[in-house]
Amino acid sequence: MTSRAEWLRTTLLAISLAFTLTGPALADSAASPNAKPAEFKVTDFLLDNGMEVVVIPDHRAPIVTHMVWYKIGSADEPPGKSGIAHFFEHLMFKATTNHAAGEFDRAISDIGGSNNAFTSYDYTAFHETVAPSALEQMMGFEADRMRNLILTDDVIKTERDVILEERRSRIDNNPQAVLDEEVDATLWQNQPYRIPVIGWMQEMEQLNRTDAVAFYDKYYRPNNAVLIVAGDVEPETVKALAEKTYGKVVRGPDLPPRIRPVEPEQNTKRTVTLADARVSVPSFSTQWVVPSYRTARPGEAEALDLLAEILGGGNRSRLYQALVVKQGIASNAGAYFQGTMLDDTNFTVYGAPRGDAKLADVEVAVDAEVARIASAGVTPDELEKAKDRYIRSMVFARDKQDSMAEIYGSTLTTGGNVQDVQQWPDRIRKVTADEVKAVAARYLVLARSTTGYLLPQQQAGN
């Protein structure tokens, strides 16, 4: 199973309506990203038990990606039960009343398919990629484990040991991961995003069968789930199969709105430093709390997306050109905005030195580029080129079928809808240079930032 915290740091944003291009339109839009793309006939409907279903036809290859997204993530966990969402992701692969442990995985392997799962702050998802002829079988397995898991004390103990070892190997043995946790816990003063998805060790050790059953009964219900099917399928077929399988699962009690603790006004600059003998090259990152697509004022999230692209989105960005190409002081430098979150999110800039350059020099140069946009803004030509690069990159990203499903799944489980995805390119194209300048000046204020430093051991006193 994949840690969704890691996925979030690389996916960064809803990959957009560029996924709605078909074959010929793909080539046309790659050459002319301002052209309006042709759209897939995306179908969205509800089953009688409240499960939402989205079908994204893509007939270029005889495969289908089947994903079930639950509107439950680590930020929804009860106090003192950190890690239960990720823990339960693991438990979903155990035996049910109808299938022995491992039977689902063996069935997928036998037909040459693939499967996995991931947990995030805001959702948990399970996915399979198989031939279209196996879609009904996948639906049957997923519908079965939605309600029919067998959770014994032995199962709980064995899998709890697995997640504890996962934390040791992926977090505790990785200086960057340790620092990331501490930075998150410092950036967020009240919001549950401050708690790691995998959980705190001392709370993970106490997770038990009672916790697991209560979590399962509350959240793993069809009316708290979204089914995304992308690939060589027709909506009518998917609907018939979904009704035959998922439609038989009993609706659960209606859940209350996902209202979480609100972040207070931040008015201090905070730093977190970790020095470790395993670190050879120092690095830093600075983060700010900013609105997500769900919490932003109209146009702000799109402006933040483009700000991240202009500032540090690739080798044409200001940070890369200034620090890596021209000054030659950085081995890497960039920025990103994680826009698809249920609550407010973070905007990050980062860098690492090259050669004899000092980390402090890189940090000063990064801060200067941020301040330059906040005070002088960006040029219209710079903005248009950023929009073109941004949308073009999404056009080519569309070739990954599972990404199509992830766009819709992550959007629908964080308060958005199908129309939000479909209208995204038009909203990006409408962003003005003044709007980009405004969000930089409003949100990227060093006096309200959190900076993390990862240093070699010998630099601990510096």
Foldseek 3Di string as FASTA:
>chain_A
DDEVVVVLVPVFEQLFQLLQAADVQLVVCLVPVVDQGHGFPWDWDAFPLQFIEIEGEHAPDQKKKKKKKFQDAQLLDDPLQGQLRVLLQVQLQADFPVGHRPPVVVVQVVQPKDWDWYGDRGIIMIMIMGGPVCVLVVLQSLLRSLPTGDDDQVSSVVSLVVLLVVCCVVAVVDLVNVLVLVLLLVQFPFRSSNARRNGDNVSSVPDGPVSNVVVSQPTSFSSRMYMYMYYNDDPVVVVVSCCVHNVPTHHHDDDDDSDTDDGDDFQAFAEAEDAEQVDDWKKKKKKWWAAAPQGDDQLQNLLLQLLQLQCFVDCNHPLNCVDCPPVNFWPGKGKGHNRLALGIGMIMIMTTTDDPHDNVVSVVVSVVSLVCCLVPFDDPVSSVVSLSVSSSVSNVVSVDRVSVRVSQSSQVSNPHHPVCRNCVSVSSVPRDRVSNNVSSNVIVDNRRMYMYMYHHNVVVVD
